[in-house]
């Protein structure tokens, strides 16, 4: 009886050992190295914020975008993820990755025509402004990730910015809330450093209104046209009076 009880306890311990060693990390993908089978994250949350985590994976790792199965190569930089991993000999080994958003688009084939990114705004950004496309919008943490093309086919650089509580946010010239921002929006951002972090103080989405100082003075133009018309009428009137 004792032997059966001990055997049952051993089997239960072995069955639940992997579950006990599993842990979880949340963060933003910084780099995916499919050759080394490594996933580099910038940690999020109370324990991991600001930390850089390197997670390896095997052939049996599970990657999901919502309920849709994917592959590690589909995890683009800037993707927010939740990773379940195990500690093995001091190495974080990924078991599953749950990602937000959509998988990264496949790389362009040689000779393929790559469509240009959506235009940010007709008015050029001010010097020092950040222009690009929103890849991630974290409403809870008030944080955004902006992608900007590098000039190479399909390549982008990413900027992570906090959004100031008093940031001025407009869409097509009309004030909107931070929660109204959407991934894929083309933006022009004015940022400054606050508390050691790059922080957006204004976000312009879509077509920006032309500032009043930049608008041509229509009243002056109308006045000039009226003066010209008045001179033309004077000439016509003079010609009519000089007729025999």
Protein backbone atom coordinates (compact mmCIF):
# COMPACT_ATOMS: atom_id res chain seq x y z
CA UNK A 1 0.00 0.00 0.00
CA UNK A 2 2.83 2.37 0.90
CA UNK A 3 4.60 1.57 -2.39
CA UNK A 4 1.45 2.34 -4.40
CA UNK A 5 0.98 5.64 -2.56
CA UNK A 6 4.61 6.63 -3.16
CA UNK A 7 4.36 5.73 -6.86
CA UNK A 8 1.18 7.78 -7.25
CA UNK A 9 2.81 10.78 -5.53
CA UNK A 10 5.85 10.49 -7.82
CA UNK A 11 3.67 10.37 -10.95
CA UNK A 12 1.70 13.41 -9.83
CA UNK A 13 4.91 15.32 -9.10
CA UNK A 14 6.29 14.52 -12.55
CA UNK A 15 3.02 15.46 -14.23
CA UNK A 16 2.80 18.87 -12.59
CA UNK A 17 6.51 19.74 -12.53
CA UNK A 18 6.44 21.55 -15.92
CA UNK A 19 3.44 23.60 -14.84
CA UNK A 20 5.13 24.68 -11.64
CA UNK A 21 8.26 25.90 -13.49
CA UNK A 22 6.37 27.86 -16.14
CA UNK A 23 6.39 31.64 -15.87
CA UNK A 24 5.03 34.54 -17.89
CA UNK A 25 6.50 37.74 -19.32
CA UNK A 26 4.88 40.65 -21.13
CA UNK A 27 6.67 43.06 -23.39
CA UNK A 28 7.29 44.56 -26.82
CA UNK A 29 9.28 42.70 -29.46
CA UNK A 30 12.63 44.37 -30.13
CA UNK A 31 14.25 41.73 -32.33
CA UNK A 32 13.54 38.27 -33.73
CA UNK A 33 16.55 36.15 -34.69
CA UNK A 34 15.24 33.06 -36.46
CA UNK A 35 18.78 31.76 -36.99
CA UNK A 36 19.59 31.70 -33.26
CA UNK A 37 15.94 31.05 -32.39
CA UNK A 38 15.90 34.00 -30.03
CA UNK A 39 13.23 36.56 -29.22
CA UNK A 40 14.35 39.84 -27.62
CA UNK A 41 11.72 41.78 -25.65
CA UNK A 42 11.54 45.11 -23.88
CA UNK A 43 9.77 44.18 -20.67
CA UNK A 44 6.47 45.66 -19.54
CA UNK A 45 4.69 45.50 -16.20
CA UNK A 46 5.84 46.27 -12.68
CA UNK A 47 8.61 43.67 -12.47
CA UNK A 48 9.94 43.78 -16.00
CA UNK A 49 9.48 47.36 -17.23
CA UNK A 50 12.70 48.62 -18.77
CA UNK A 51 14.39 45.20 -18.72
CA UNK A 52 15.58 43.49 -21.90
CA UNK A 53 14.65 39.80 -22.03
CA UNK A 54 16.13 37.20 -24.37
CA UNK A 55 13.95 34.13 -24.87
CA UNK A 56 14.98 31.11 -26.90
CA UNK A 57 12.55 28.68 -28.50
CA UNK A 58 12.40 25.17 -29.87
CA UNK A 59 10.55 23.64 -32.80
CA UNK A 60 7.45 23.06 -30.67
CA UNK A 61 6.87 26.70 -29.63
CA UNK A 62 3.32 27.93 -30.19
CA UNK A 63 2.75 31.43 -31.61
CA UNK A 64 -0.77 32.88 -31.75
CA UNK A 65 -2.17 36.18 -33.02
CA UNK A 66 -5.49 36.04 -31.21
CA UNK A 67 -6.69 32.56 -32.15
CA UNK A 68 -4.72 32.43 -35.40
CA UNK A 69 -1.59 30.21 -35.41
CA UNK A 70 1.58 31.85 -36.67
CA UNK A 71 5.37 31.43 -36.66
CA UNK A 72 8.12 33.26 -34.73
CA UNK A 73 9.13 35.00 -37.97
CA UNK A 74 5.69 36.70 -37.98
CA UNK A 75 6.59 38.64 -34.83
CA UNK A 76 7.63 42.07 -36.11
CA UNK A 77 9.49 44.60 -33.92
CA UNK A 78 6.96 46.65 -31.99
CA UNK A 79 4.52 43.76 -31.52
CA UNK A 80 3.12 43.50 -27.98
CA UNK A 81 3.31 39.92 -26.69
CA UNK A 82 2.70 37.70 -23.68
CA UNK A 83 5.23 34.88 -23.47
CA UNK A 84 4.89 31.73 -21.37
CA UNK A 85 8.37 30.33 -20.72
CA UNK A 86 10.33 27.89 -18.58
CA UNK A 87 13.67 28.38 -16.85
CA UNK A 88 16.13 25.71 -17.99
CA UNK A 89 19.72 25.97 -16.75
CA UNK A 90 19.32 29.71 -16.35
CA UNK A 91 17.91 30.17 -19.88
CA UNK A 92 14.40 31.41 -20.62
CA UNK A 93 12.87 28.88 -23.02
CA UNK A 94 9.63 29.96 -24.67
CA UNK A 95 6.62 27.64 -24.56
CA UNK A 96 4.01 29.90 -26.21
CA UNK A 97 3.73 33.47 -27.49
CA UNK A 98 0.41 35.31 -27.56
CA UNK A 99 0.66 38.41 -29.76
CA UNK A 100 -1.57 41.45 -30.28
CA UNK A 101 -2.43 42.86 -33.68
CA UNK A 102 -1.71 41.10 -36.98
CA UNK A 103 1.31 39.12 -38.23
CA UNK A 104 4.06 40.99 -40.04
CA UNK A 105 3.59 41.07 -43.83
CA UNK A 106 5.78 38.63 -45.77
CA UNK A 107 8.99 40.06 -47.22
CA UNK A 108 8.70 41.43 -50.73
CA UNK A 109 9.83 39.13 -53.51
CA UNK A 110 12.69 40.33 -55.73
CA UNK A 111 11.27 42.57 -58.43
CA UNK A 112 7.93 42.96 -56.68
CA UNK A 113 6.40 46.42 -56.53
CA UNK A 114 6.16 47.55 -52.90
CA UNK A 115 3.29 50.01 -52.32
CA UNK A 116 4.39 53.23 -50.63
CA UNK A 117 3.33 53.84 -47.01
CA UNK A 118 0.26 56.04 -46.50
CA UNK A 119 1.09 59.75 -46.64
CA UNK A 120 1.37 61.50 -43.31
CA UNK A 121 0.18 65.00 -44.12
CA UNK A 122 0.41 67.39 -47.03
CA UNK A 123 2.05 70.01 -44.85
CA UNK A 124 5.69 69.00 -44.26
CA UNK A 125 6.58 68.20 -40.63
CA UNK A 126 8.41 70.82 -38.64
CA UNK A 127 12.14 70.30 -38.06
CA UNK A 128 12.64 67.70 -35.35
CA UNK A 129 9.14 66.26 -35.74
CA UNK A 130 8.61 62.51 -36.03
CA UNK A 131 6.53 61.37 -38.99
CA UNK A 132 5.48 57.80 -39.72
CA UNK A 133 2.76 55.21 -39.17
CA UNK A 134 1.36 54.01 -35.85
CA UNK A 135 2.22 50.34 -35.40
CA UNK A 136 1.06 49.99 -31.78
CA UNK A 137 -1.24 52.06 -29.54
CA UNK A 138 -1.22 51.09 -25.86
CA UNK A 139 -4.19 52.91 -24.34
CA UNK A 140 -3.63 51.69 -20.77
CA UNK A 141 0.04 52.70 -20.67
CA UNK A 142 -0.43 55.78 -22.91
CA UNK A 143 2.33 54.65 -25.21
CA UNK A 144 2.72 54.48 -28.99
CA UNK A 145 5.17 52.89 -31.43
CA UNK A 146 5.79 54.77 -34.67
CA UNK A 147 7.31 53.11 -37.76
CA UNK A 148 9.27 55.01 -40.37
CA UNK A 149 10.57 53.53 -43.66
CA UNK A 150 14.38 53.29 -43.89
CA UNK A 151 14.55 53.40 -47.68
CA UNK A 152 15.16 49.66 -48.03
CA UNK A 153 12.35 47.46 -49.30
CA UNK A 154 10.00 46.65 -46.44
CA UNK A 155 12.48 47.85 -43.76
CA UNK A 156 11.34 50.18 -40.98
CA UNK A 157 12.74 51.85 -37.90
CA UNK A 158 10.64 52.13 -34.75
CA UNK A 159 10.28 54.83 -32.11
CA UNK A 160 8.56 54.17 -28.78
CA UNK A 161 7.05 57.26 -27.18
CA UNK A 162 5.00 58.00 -24.13
CA UNK A 163 1.99 60.27 -24.72
CA UNK A 164 1.68 63.22 -22.37
CA UNK A 165 -1.66 63.56 -20.53
CA UNK A 166 -1.96 67.10 -21.93
CA UNK A 167 -0.88 66.14 -25.47
CA UNK A 168 -2.78 67.92 -28.26
CA UNK A 169 -4.17 65.26 -30.61
CA UNK A 170 -5.94 66.15 -33.86
CA UNK A 171 -7.36 64.17 -36.76
CA UNK A 172 -7.83 66.12 -39.99
CA UNK A 173 -7.61 69.32 -37.98
CA UNK A 174 -10.21 68.34 -35.35
CA UNK A 175 -9.37 67.56 -31.73
CA UNK A 176 -9.73 63.89 -30.75
CA UNK A 177 -8.94 61.74 -27.73
CA UNK A 178 -5.92 59.48 -27.29
CA UNK A 179 -8.29 56.51 -27.38
CA UNK A 180 -9.32 57.51 -30.92
CA UNK A 181 -5.86 56.74 -32.32
CA UNK A 182 -5.68 53.59 -34.44
CA UNK A 183 -2.87 51.35 -35.59
CA UNK A 184 -2.09 52.22 -39.20
CA UNK A 185 -2.76 55.96 -38.76
CA UNK A 186 -0.24 58.20 -40.53
CA UNK A 187 0.99 60.75 -38.00
CA UNK A 188 3.28 63.71 -37.45
CA UNK A 189 4.43 63.98 -33.85
CA UNK A 190 6.13 66.71 -31.86
CA UNK A 191 8.05 65.18 -28.97
CA UNK A 192 10.19 66.30 -26.08
CA UNK A 193 12.08 64.55 -23.31
CA UNK A 194 10.19 64.26 -20.04
CA UNK A 195 11.44 62.29 -17.04
CA UNK A 196 14.17 60.79 -19.22
CA UNK A 197 11.75 59.45 -21.83
CA UNK A 198 10.76 60.69 -25.26
CA UNK A 199 7.21 61.98 -24.89
CA UNK A 200 4.71 63.07 -27.54
CA UNK A 201 3.25 66.49 -26.75
CA UNK A 202 1.26 66.79 -29.99
CA UNK A 203 0.03 64.19 -32.48
CA UNK A 204 -1.34 65.18 -35.86
CA UNK A 205 -3.28 62.49 -37.76
CA UNK A 206 -4.16 62.91 -41.42
CA UNK A 207 -4.53 66.25 -43.16
CA UNK A 208 -3.46 69.13 -40.95
CA UNK A 209 -5.17 72.51 -41.13
CA UNK A 210 -3.07 75.31 -42.59
CA UNK A 211 -2.26 77.76 -39.83
CA UNK A 212 -3.77 81.23 -40.16
CA UNK A 213 -0.29 82.79 -40.37
CA UNK A 214 0.48 80.55 -43.35
CA UNK A 215 -2.75 81.24 -45.22
CA UNK A 216 -2.58 83.83 -48.00
CA UNK A 217 -4.29 87.04 -46.98
CA UNK A 218 -7.47 86.73 -49.04
CA UNK A 219 -8.68 90.18 -48.10
CA UNK A 220 -5.55 91.82 -49.54
CA UNK A 221 -5.95 89.80 -52.73
CA UNK A 222 -9.59 90.87 -53.08
CA UNK A 223 -8.60 94.49 -52.56
CA UNK A 224 -5.95 94.24 -55.29
CA UNK A 225 -8.44 92.67 -57.70
CA UNK A 226 -10.97 95.41 -56.96
CA UNK A 227 -8.37 98.10 -57.67
CA UNK A 228 -7.50 96.46 -60.99
CA UNK A 229 -11.17 96.19 -61.91
CA UNK A 230 -11.68 99.84 -60.96
CA UNK A 231 -8.83 100.93 -63.24
CA UNK A 232 -10.20 98.85 -66.12
CA UNK A 233 -13.63 100.44 -65.67
CA UNK A 234 -12.08 103.92 -65.61
CA UNK A 235 -10.28 103.20 -68.90
CA UNK A 236 -13.49 101.94 -70.51
CA UNK A 237 -15.42 104.93 -69.23
CA UNK A 238 -12.76 107.32 -70.58
CA UNK A 239 -12.87 105.63 -73.97
CA UNK A 240 -16.65 105.92 -74.09
CA UNK A 241 -16.53 109.65 -73.34
CA UNK A 242 -13.88 110.32 -75.99
CA UNK A 243 -15.92 108.70 -78.74
CA UNK A 244 -17.19 111.22 -81.39
